[in-house]
Amino acid sequence: MKSINHLQYLIVLALCLIGTLPLELVIGAKVYRKPLRLAISLIPIALLFSLFDIYSIHANWWYYAKRYVSGVTLPGKLPLEELLFFLIIPICALLTYEAVHVLLEPRQKRPTRR
């Protein structure tokens, strides 16, 4: 039986997306429903961190163990999983932030008791 170690990073990222999906579908975080706003939030960060990672790989500051990545690399020897990390984890954070906002909004609109 072949080991699935090389898929671990992708599996964790998929679980992060699956775990936060109810925040969009059930609570109504509206992160995926505003794709332009999402792209404006994600692209600069993903680009900046990807460039830093590429520089760090070439400077031999760090590397990615081939055992735990799929082997798909982007220009600059950046593993696909790393770019996905820079997209998926911020999406999960935005979903969480927006869901908390949606859940707390009714409390903020209620008049305060004196």
Protein backbone atom coordinates (compact mmCIF):
# COMPACT_ATOMS: atom_id res chain seq x y z
CA MET A 1 0.00 0.00 0.00
CA LYS A 2 1.38 3.38 -1.02
CA SER A 3 1.76 6.01 1.70
CA ILE A 4 -0.33 9.17 1.52
CA ASN A 5 2.29 11.26 3.29
CA HIS A 6 2.81 13.33 0.14
CA LEU A 7 -0.82 14.46 0.38
CA GLN A 8 -0.79 15.52 4.03
CA TYR A 9 -0.40 19.24 3.33
CA LEU A 10 -3.21 19.17 0.76
CA ILE A 11 -5.44 17.15 3.09
CA VAL A 12 -5.00 19.66 5.92
CA LEU A 13 -5.81 22.55 3.57
CA ALA A 14 -8.90 20.74 2.27
CA LEU A 15 -10.06 20.08 5.82
CA CYS A 16 -9.62 23.78 6.63
CA LEU A 17 -11.87 24.71 3.71
CA ILE A 18 -14.43 22.03 4.52
CA GLY A 19 -14.44 22.99 8.20
CA THR A 20 -15.16 26.65 7.48
CA LEU A 21 -17.62 26.15 4.61
CA PRO A 22 -20.64 26.13 6.97
CA LEU A 23 -19.68 29.66 7.99
CA GLU A 24 -20.53 30.74 4.45
CA LEU A 25 -23.46 28.43 3.78
CA VAL A 26 -25.20 28.33 7.17
CA ILE A 27 -24.21 31.52 8.97
CA GLY A 28 -23.96 33.68 5.85
CA ALA A 29 -20.47 35.13 6.13
CA LYS A 30 -20.67 36.25 2.47
CA VAL A 31 -16.97 35.85 1.77
CA TYR A 32 -17.34 33.71 -1.36
CA ARG A 33 -20.29 35.82 -2.51
CA LYS A 34 -18.00 38.85 -2.93
CA PRO A 35 -15.23 37.48 -5.17
CA LEU A 36 -13.70 40.83 -6.15
CA ARG A 37 -13.40 41.88 -2.51
CA LEU A 38 -11.90 38.48 -1.69
CA ALA A 39 -9.38 38.71 -4.53
CA ILE A 40 -8.33 42.22 -3.49
CA SER A 41 -7.74 40.89 0.02
CA LEU A 42 -5.86 37.75 -0.99
CA ILE A 43 -3.71 38.56 -3.99
CA PRO A 44 -1.29 41.07 -2.42
CA ILE A 45 -0.64 38.85 0.59
CA ALA A 46 -0.28 35.66 -1.46
CA LEU A 47 2.09 37.41 -3.86
CA LEU A 48 4.23 38.93 -1.11
CA PHE A 49 4.56 35.71 0.87
CA SER A 50 5.14 33.62 -2.25
CA LEU A 51 7.99 35.91 -3.32
CA PHE A 52 9.48 35.70 0.17
CA ASP A 53 9.22 31.90 0.11
CA ILE A 54 10.85 31.70 -3.33
CA TYR A 55 13.69 33.90 -2.10
CA SER A 56 14.04 31.80 1.05
CA ILE A 57 14.15 28.55 -0.94
CA HIS A 58 16.86 29.91 -3.24
CA ALA A 59 18.82 31.32 -0.29
CA ASN A 60 18.64 27.84 1.34
CA TRP A 61 16.95 29.29 4.41
CA TRP A 62 14.34 26.54 4.24
CA TYR A 63 13.04 23.74 2.13
CA TYR A 64 9.96 21.56 1.84
CA ALA A 65 10.31 17.89 2.61
CA LYS A 66 9.40 16.00 -0.56
CA ARG A 67 7.82 13.35 1.62
CA TYR A 68 4.98 15.70 2.62
CA VAL A 69 4.24 17.62 -0.60
CA SER A 70 2.69 16.48 -3.86
CA GLY A 71 5.72 17.29 -5.97
CA VAL A 72 3.89 19.89 -8.03
CA THR A 73 6.05 23.00 -8.01
CA LEU A 74 5.41 26.46 -9.36
CA PRO A 75 8.02 28.79 -10.81
CA GLY A 76 10.79 29.42 -8.31
CA LYS A 77 10.49 25.90 -6.87
CA LEU A 78 7.50 26.98 -4.77
CA PRO A 79 5.38 23.95 -3.86
CA LEU A 80 1.76 24.20 -4.96
CA GLU A 81 0.69 23.53 -1.38
CA GLU A 82 2.49 26.63 -0.15
CA LEU A 83 0.67 28.93 -2.56
CA LEU A 84 -2.60 27.24 -1.62
CA PHE A 85 -1.74 27.84 2.04
CA PHE A 86 -1.40 31.56 1.34
CA LEU A 87 -4.88 31.54 -0.19
CA ILE A 88 -6.82 29.06 1.91
CA ILE A 89 -5.78 30.06 5.42
CA PRO A 90 -6.66 33.74 4.89
CA ILE A 91 -10.00 32.66 3.39
CA CYS A 92 -10.68 30.61 6.52
CA ALA A 93 -9.73 33.59 8.69
CA LEU A 94 -12.01 35.91 6.72
CA LEU A 95 -14.87 33.42 6.94
CA THR A 96 -14.41 33.20 10.70
CA TYR A 97 -14.20 36.97 11.11
CA GLU A 98 -17.28 37.62 8.99
CA ALA A 99 -19.26 34.84 10.69
CA VAL A 100 -18.51 36.32 14.12
CA HIS A 101 -19.62 39.70 12.79
CA VAL A 102 -22.88 38.22 11.48
CA LEU A 103 -23.54 36.44 14.78
CA LEU A 104 -22.81 39.51 16.90
CA GLU A 105 -24.66 41.99 14.68
CA PRO A 106 -28.11 41.38 16.22
CA ARG A 107 -26.66 42.07 19.67
CA GLN A 108 -25.17 45.34 18.55
CA LYS A 109 -28.50 46.60 17.17
CA ARG A 110 -30.47 45.88 20.34
CA PRO A 111 -31.10 48.82 22.63
CA THR A 112 -29.17 48.67 25.84
CA ARG A 113 -31.06 48.20 29.10
CA ARG A 114 -30.56 50.70 31.85
